[in-house]
């Protein structure tokens, strides 16, 4: 997987978890990108943590 900016992933997670009706389309698109790239919001959050702290190693089996 190519390196993705943690800021961009944080934005996707924020949008995917938003309850604002005005962001419904952005929420859908962000959730779809997370699902395609990571499989779940939890794994996206782990990716963000790993990128911010180089000592964390995440291995998906």
Foldseek 3Di string as FASTA:
>chain_A
DDDDDLVVLVVLLCLLPDPDPVSVVVNVVSQVVCCVPQNDNVRSVVSSVCVVDVVDDDDDD
